[in-house]
Structure formats: C-alpha cells, structure tokens
Amino acid sequence: MLLFPMLAYVNGKFLSRDDATISVFDHGFLYGDGVYETMRAYRGKIFFLSKHLARLKQSADAISLALPFSLDKIGEALNEALRVNKLNEAYLRLQISRGTGEIGLDPALCPAPTMVILTKPFKDYPPELYANGVTVAIVKTRRNHPLALDPAIKATNFLNNILAKIESLKTGAYEGIMLNWEGYVAEGTISNLFTVKKGVLHTPALETGILEGITRDLVLHLARKEKIPTQEKLMRPKDLADADECFITNTTVEVLPVTAVDNHPVGTGKPGPITERLMQAYRKEVSHHV
C-alpha cells in the first residue's frame, strides 16, 4: 500500500505522487541540507501549528536558511494541503531544503529553497501498545555533539538517528535510546524520554544535547497542572533501570508507555499510574485545542 497517495505540495503546486519530484541537484538530496517539521491534525485542525512553525524558523535560522514564505503563508499552505486532500485526521510533514544548485557546499549556490508538504491519513497506533507498553534499547550510537551538529536543530540530516534505529531494530526494540557524548541519557531516535521515580517525573535536561520536543514541553506543562513534581536533569542509564515508570513522547504517538528497557521490566512491567494520568491529560488537551 502506498504511504503517500495524496497530492503533494512542491514549491507552490499540488501534484500527484508521480509528478511530485525535485531535482537531483537539490542540496537537500545531495547533502541533507534542510529542516523539517512533523505535525498531526485532529478533526481537520493542525495541533500546535504555531509552535511547530516557530521551531521551523528557529532551525532554519540556525543553518542560515531563508524560508521561502512568511510563517503565516507556510501555515496557510499546510492547511490547504489538508483541504485539497480532504483530510481530518492526518499526518503532515513539512520540509524546506536549501534548494537546487551546482554541486558544492556553499549555500550561495542555491538561489531559492525547495518547500515540500506531504500528507497522509493518520491511522491510530494499535491500542495494545498503550495498554501493554513497548520495549526500548539503549544503543551504542551516541547523540551528535552540539558543537558538531546541534540536536536542537530539526534537520533533514538524520543519519545519526538512522544508525541508532538500525541498532535498536536488531535487538527487537520499538525505539532506541541514545546517550550523549558524556554518557548521559539523551533521547530516542524520534522521541523524548521520561521516567517516574517515587512520584517525581524526570526527563533529560536540554543541556544534555537534545531536541526541545513540542510534546515534551506540553507533557511537562500538563504534569505541573496535575500537581506532579517534575525535574529536568542529567540522567544516567541506571536511572532507566531503577525507574518505577517510563514513557516516550512525540507528535504522533503522544504519550507511549515503556515497560521494558534492554529487555528488563520497568517497575511492575506494566504502564504506571502517572503515565496513564498523563496519557489522559494529553488527550484532554488535544480536545480543548481542536
């Protein structure tokens, strides 16, 4: 089954799957030179659109990439992608690359960026993932050092995460957890990580060298509303092994329980009460916004 049978937006036009192409000289293809955002629409409304667009701008500024349109115009294009594809529950991926130019690393070789929007109907994850939790594995691939390629930039250059994903798949884990250059827990290949110990919610601090996830920030906000103590800190792998509860977050999975790390049970081996509270709080927050 085709993953993206919908009309794709490419530089201002909506095109069929077969016609939606870019040049082999696009620097996004040649060098992974670009930024992106993944979003989710509920009932025809893109959740936290303004936050995603603000992070897109932050990432683009960090690599000196001029966006082709204002954030308002980009938002309009995203909503138009939902309309032309007649989607309500949807996955959206917005990608902006440096654009087409001669071979070489100088950004000046590319006169205009390339902007692509891909959409597809969103199919809910299997309920048993939330009922039973998933397994994660701590992988050997380390998260990029911020002075090499800052993980705070949501870049299309994803090889670091892909190598970590390959490792985790070999172990049979649902997600791979990367450590930073100093051996502290950083984040998953496509997720942020949380643990619970003695009623306190913990998550790796931003100075660990991680992406500031939009879902991560929302979960911290919801925990405080729920009067759950929170702590952003430097975490060691032992903190995962000793946790009472664990879960991962991102835009599409929302709050997903983790019940085993490296094939060792977390807590009771079942989703914990604080995880379940935050799962419900997140879904209520979505309903308030859409």
Protein backbone atom coordinates (compact mmCIF):
# COMPACT_ATOMS: atom_id res chain seq x y z
CA MET A 1 0.00 0.00 0.00
CA LEU A 2 1.30 3.45 -0.88
CA LEU A 3 2.21 5.54 2.12
CA PHE A 4 1.69 8.88 0.40
CA PRO A 5 -1.05 8.53 -2.26
CA MET A 6 -2.25 12.08 -1.62
CA LEU A 7 -1.47 15.24 -3.56
CA ALA A 8 1.89 16.66 -2.50
CA TYR A 9 2.78 20.34 -2.28
CA VAL A 10 6.01 21.18 -4.12
CA ASN A 11 7.04 24.83 -4.40
CA GLY A 12 3.53 26.23 -4.58
CA LYS A 13 1.84 23.48 -6.60
CA PHE A 14 -0.17 20.40 -5.58
CA LEU A 15 0.99 17.43 -7.61
CA SER A 16 0.25 13.72 -7.87
CA ARG A 17 2.66 11.22 -6.35
CA ASP A 18 4.24 10.52 -9.74
CA ASP A 19 4.61 14.19 -10.62
CA ALA A 20 5.84 15.35 -7.21
CA THR A 21 9.58 15.39 -7.86
CA ILE A 22 12.60 17.55 -7.10
CA SER A 23 15.91 17.95 -8.89
CA VAL A 24 18.81 15.56 -8.29
CA PHE A 25 20.81 18.77 -7.78
CA ASP A 26 18.67 19.78 -4.80
CA HIS A 27 21.02 20.22 -1.84
CA GLY A 28 18.53 18.52 0.43
CA PHE A 29 19.05 15.37 -1.64
CA LEU A 30 22.79 15.86 -2.14
CA TYR A 31 23.77 16.90 1.39
CA GLY A 32 20.79 16.58 3.72
CA ASP A 33 20.81 20.38 3.83
CA GLY A 34 17.42 21.37 5.15
CA VAL A 35 14.95 21.46 8.02
CA TYR A 36 11.58 19.86 8.64
CA GLU A 37 8.62 19.53 10.99
CA THR A 38 6.21 16.66 11.55
CA MET A 39 2.68 17.59 12.60
CA ARG A 40 -0.59 15.91 13.40
CA ALA A 41 -4.08 17.14 12.56
CA TYR A 42 -7.10 16.24 14.66
CA ARG A 43 -10.55 16.87 13.21
CA GLY A 44 -9.07 19.00 10.46
CA LYS A 45 -7.01 21.25 12.74
CA ILE A 46 -3.22 21.07 12.98
CA PHE A 47 -2.28 20.66 16.62
CA PHE A 48 0.08 23.36 17.94
CA LEU A 49 0.73 24.68 14.43
CA SER A 50 2.23 27.96 15.66
CA LYS A 51 4.71 26.12 17.89
CA HIS A 52 5.83 23.89 15.03
CA LEU A 53 6.29 26.88 12.75
CA ALA A 54 8.26 28.76 15.40
CA ARG A 55 10.60 25.78 15.79
CA LEU A 56 10.92 25.53 12.00
CA LYS A 57 12.07 29.16 11.92
CA GLN A 58 14.49 28.52 14.77
CA SER A 59 16.00 25.54 12.94
CA ALA A 60 16.21 27.45 9.65
CA ASP A 61 17.92 30.41 11.33
CA ALA A 62 20.43 28.05 12.93
CA ILE A 63 21.60 26.83 9.50
CA SER A 64 21.27 30.26 7.82
CA LEU A 65 18.41 29.07 5.61
CA ALA A 66 15.99 31.78 4.48
CA LEU A 67 12.41 30.49 4.49
CA PRO A 68 10.62 30.92 1.14
CA PHE A 69 7.50 32.44 2.74
CA SER A 70 6.36 34.02 5.98
CA LEU A 71 5.26 31.65 8.73
CA ASP A 72 1.66 32.71 8.13
CA LYS A 73 1.93 31.76 4.44
CA ILE A 74 3.54 28.43 5.31
CA GLY A 75 0.70 27.78 7.76
CA GLU A 76 -1.82 28.54 5.01
CA ALA A 77 -0.09 26.05 2.70
CA LEU A 78 -0.26 23.36 5.38
CA ASN A 79 -3.97 23.93 5.91
CA GLU A 80 -4.53 23.96 2.16
CA ALA A 81 -2.79 20.57 1.97
CA LEU A 82 -5.41 19.23 4.37
CA ARG A 83 -8.24 20.76 2.33
CA VAL A 84 -7.16 19.56 -1.12
CA ASN A 85 -6.62 16.06 0.23
CA LYS A 86 -9.91 16.14 2.21
CA LEU A 87 -8.20 15.07 5.42
CA ASN A 88 -9.34 15.46 9.02
CA GLU A 89 -7.17 13.02 10.98
CA ALA A 90 -3.81 13.44 9.30
CA TYR A 91 -0.05 13.25 9.39
CA LEU A 92 1.80 16.18 7.81
CA ARG A 93 5.48 16.57 7.02
CA LEU A 94 6.83 19.98 6.02
CA GLN A 95 10.35 20.05 4.61
CA ILE A 96 12.39 23.01 3.38
CA SER A 97 15.76 22.35 1.77
CA ARG A 98 18.47 24.72 0.61
CA GLY A 99 17.20 24.23 -2.93
CA THR A 100 18.66 23.39 -6.33
CA GLY A 101 22.20 24.47 -7.20
CA GLU A 102 25.53 23.36 -8.56
CA ILE A 103 27.45 20.68 -6.66
CA GLY A 104 29.31 22.22 -3.73
CA LEU A 105 28.76 23.13 -0.10
CA ASP A 106 28.43 26.90 -0.47
CA PRO A 107 24.80 27.84 0.31
CA ALA A 108 25.11 30.69 -2.20
CA LEU A 109 24.99 28.07 -4.97
CA CYS A 110 21.24 27.68 -4.29
CA PRO A 111 19.22 30.76 -5.30
CA ALA A 112 15.90 29.56 -3.83
CA PRO A 113 14.85 26.94 -1.25
CA THR A 114 12.63 23.97 -2.02
CA MET A 115 9.46 23.55 0.05
CA VAL A 116 7.55 20.28 0.19
CA ILE A 117 4.45 19.27 2.18
CA LEU A 118 3.44 15.60 2.38
CA THR A 119 0.22 14.43 3.99
CA LYS A 120 -1.49 11.12 4.65
CA PRO A 121 -4.47 9.93 6.67
CA PHE A 122 -3.48 9.26 10.26
CA LYS A 123 -4.19 5.77 11.47
CA ASP A 124 -4.20 5.36 15.25
CA TYR A 125 -1.47 3.21 16.74
CA PRO A 126 -2.60 -0.24 17.94
CA PRO A 127 -4.35 0.10 21.34
CA GLU A 128 -2.24 -2.71 22.77
CA LEU A 129 0.86 -0.50 22.52
CA TYR A 130 -0.69 1.82 25.10
CA ALA A 131 -2.22 -0.97 27.16
CA ASN A 132 0.95 -3.07 27.36
CA GLY A 133 3.74 -0.59 26.69
CA VAL A 134 6.78 -1.02 24.45
CA THR A 135 10.40 -2.06 24.83
CA VAL A 136 13.30 0.33 24.26
CA ALA A 137 17.00 -0.38 23.96
CA ILE A 138 19.95 1.81 24.92
CA VAL A 139 22.09 1.86 21.78
CA LYS A 140 25.82 2.41 21.29
CA THR A 141 25.40 5.20 18.73
CA ARG A 142 25.82 8.48 20.62
CA ARG A 143 23.77 11.60 20.01
CA ASN A 144 25.56 14.25 17.99
CA HIS A 145 27.69 16.66 19.99
CA PRO A 146 26.08 20.14 19.85
CA LEU A 147 29.35 21.61 18.59
CA ALA A 148 29.29 19.16 15.65
CA LEU A 149 25.61 19.15 14.66
CA ASP A 150 23.31 20.59 17.30
CA PRO A 151 20.42 18.18 18.05
CA ALA A 152 18.31 21.27 18.79
CA ILE A 153 18.18 21.80 15.00
CA LYS A 154 15.41 19.69 13.47
CA ALA A 155 17.47 18.95 10.38
CA THR A 156 16.86 16.61 7.46
CA ASN A 157 20.36 15.23 8.03
CA PHE A 158 19.18 12.22 10.04
CA LEU A 159 21.98 9.68 9.68
CA ASN A 160 22.83 9.78 13.41
CA ASN A 161 19.28 8.72 14.28
CA ILE A 162 19.11 6.17 11.46
CA LEU A 163 22.21 4.37 12.73
CA ALA A 164 20.69 4.28 16.21
CA LYS A 165 17.42 2.96 14.77
CA ILE A 166 19.24 0.17 12.95
CA GLU A 167 20.82 -0.85 16.26
CA SER A 168 17.50 -0.88 18.09
CA LEU A 169 15.80 -2.91 15.36
CA LYS A 170 18.48 -5.57 15.66
CA THR A 171 17.53 -6.00 19.32
CA GLY A 172 13.81 -6.16 18.56
CA ALA A 173 13.13 -2.94 20.46
CA TYR A 174 10.40 -0.50 19.49
CA GLU A 175 12.69 2.52 20.00
CA GLY A 176 16.39 3.17 20.50
CA ILE A 177 17.58 5.44 23.31
CA MET A 178 20.78 7.38 22.64
CA LEU A 179 23.25 8.64 25.19
CA ASN A 180 25.13 11.90 24.74
CA TRP A 181 28.90 12.32 24.38
CA GLU A 182 29.33 12.11 28.17
CA GLY A 183 27.22 9.00 28.65
CA TYR A 184 24.08 10.75 29.91
CA VAL A 185 20.68 9.68 28.60
CA ALA A 186 19.68 11.99 25.74
CA GLU A 187 16.64 10.98 23.68
CA GLY A 188 15.14 8.38 21.39
CA THR A 189 15.67 8.23 17.64
CA ILE A 190 12.31 10.00 17.16
CA SER A 191 11.18 10.68 20.71
CA ASN A 192 11.82 12.33 24.04
CA LEU A 193 12.08 10.19 27.16
CA PHE A 194 10.53 10.43 30.63
CA THR A 195 10.82 8.35 33.79
CA VAL A 196 8.95 8.35 37.10
CA LYS A 197 10.65 7.62 40.42
CA LYS A 198 8.84 7.89 43.77
CA GLY A 199 6.14 10.07 42.25
CA VAL A 200 8.54 12.54 40.56
CA LEU A 201 8.59 12.93 36.78
CA HIS A 202 12.12 13.12 35.33
CA THR A 203 13.33 13.93 31.82
CA PRO A 204 16.77 14.70 30.37
CA ALA A 205 17.60 18.40 30.59
CA LEU A 206 18.06 20.39 27.38
CA GLU A 207 21.75 20.87 28.19
CA THR A 208 22.14 17.12 27.67
CA GLY A 209 22.04 17.97 23.96
CA ILE A 210 18.53 17.11 22.77
CA LEU A 211 15.73 18.46 20.63
CA GLU A 212 13.26 20.53 22.63
CA GLY A 213 10.24 18.46 21.73
CA ILE A 214 6.90 20.22 21.48
CA THR A 215 5.17 17.21 23.02
CA ARG A 216 7.88 17.08 25.69
CA ASP A 217 7.13 20.67 26.69
CA LEU A 218 3.40 20.02 26.75
CA VAL A 219 3.81 16.93 28.96
CA LEU A 220 5.89 18.94 31.45
CA HIS A 221 3.18 21.63 31.46
CA LEU A 222 0.42 19.05 31.98
CA ALA A 223 2.36 17.34 34.78
CA ARG A 224 2.59 20.64 36.65
CA LYS A 225 -1.15 21.20 36.16
CA GLU A 226 -1.71 17.72 37.59
CA LYS A 227 0.48 18.62 40.61
CA ILE A 228 3.05 16.00 39.62
CA PRO A 229 6.58 17.12 40.66
CA THR A 230 8.90 17.45 37.66
CA GLN A 231 12.66 17.55 37.28
CA GLU A 232 14.75 18.15 34.16
CA LYS A 233 18.20 16.76 34.92
CA LEU A 234 21.23 14.82 33.76
CA MET A 235 20.22 11.15 33.71
CA ARG A 236 22.34 8.02 33.64
CA PRO A 237 21.26 4.68 32.11
CA LYS A 238 20.88 3.39 35.68
CA ASP A 239 18.03 5.88 36.14
CA LEU A 240 16.05 3.98 33.49
CA ALA A 241 16.80 0.62 35.08
CA ASP A 242 15.71 1.90 38.52
CA ALA A 243 12.60 3.78 37.34
CA ASP A 244 9.11 2.99 38.59
CA GLU A 245 7.64 4.08 35.24
CA CYS A 246 8.88 5.18 31.84
CA PHE A 247 7.36 6.58 28.65
CA ILE A 248 8.32 8.25 25.39
CA THR A 249 6.68 11.18 23.61
CA ASN A 250 6.42 12.67 20.15
CA THR A 251 3.82 14.36 17.97
CA THR A 252 2.28 11.18 16.57
CA VAL A 253 2.47 8.68 19.47
CA GLU A 254 1.61 11.36 22.06
CA VAL A 255 2.45 9.62 25.39
CA LEU A 256 3.52 5.99 24.91
CA PRO A 257 4.33 3.76 27.92
CA VAL A 258 7.67 1.95 28.07
CA THR A 259 7.52 -1.26 30.09
CA ALA A 260 10.98 -2.70 29.40
CA VAL A 261 14.49 -1.30 28.87
CA ASP A 262 17.05 -3.64 27.33
CA ASN A 263 14.55 -6.48 27.93
CA HIS A 264 14.41 -5.76 31.69
CA PRO A 265 10.98 -4.77 33.08
CA VAL A 266 10.42 -1.19 34.20
CA GLY A 267 8.69 -1.15 37.59
CA THR A 268 5.87 -3.69 37.55
CA GLY A 269 6.33 -4.30 33.83
CA LYS A 270 3.03 -2.54 33.11
CA PRO A 271 2.12 1.10 32.34
CA GLY A 272 2.18 3.04 35.60
CA PRO A 273 -0.44 5.34 37.16
CA ILE A 274 1.36 8.62 36.44
CA THR A 275 1.95 7.59 32.82
CA GLU A 276 -1.74 6.81 32.47
CA ARG A 277 -2.72 10.15 34.06
CA LEU A 278 -0.55 12.00 31.58
CA MET A 279 -1.88 9.98 28.65
CA GLN A 280 -5.40 11.06 29.60
CA ALA A 281 -4.37 14.66 30.31
CA TYR A 282 -2.73 14.88 26.88
CA ARG A 283 -5.84 13.64 25.11
CA LYS A 284 -8.00 16.14 27.01
CA GLU A 285 -5.61 18.92 25.98
CA VAL A 286 -5.97 17.91 22.34
CA SER A 287 -9.76 18.02 22.61
CA HIS A 288 -9.57 21.54 24.08
CA HIS A 289 -7.48 22.80 21.15
CA VAL A 290 -9.35 21.17 18.30
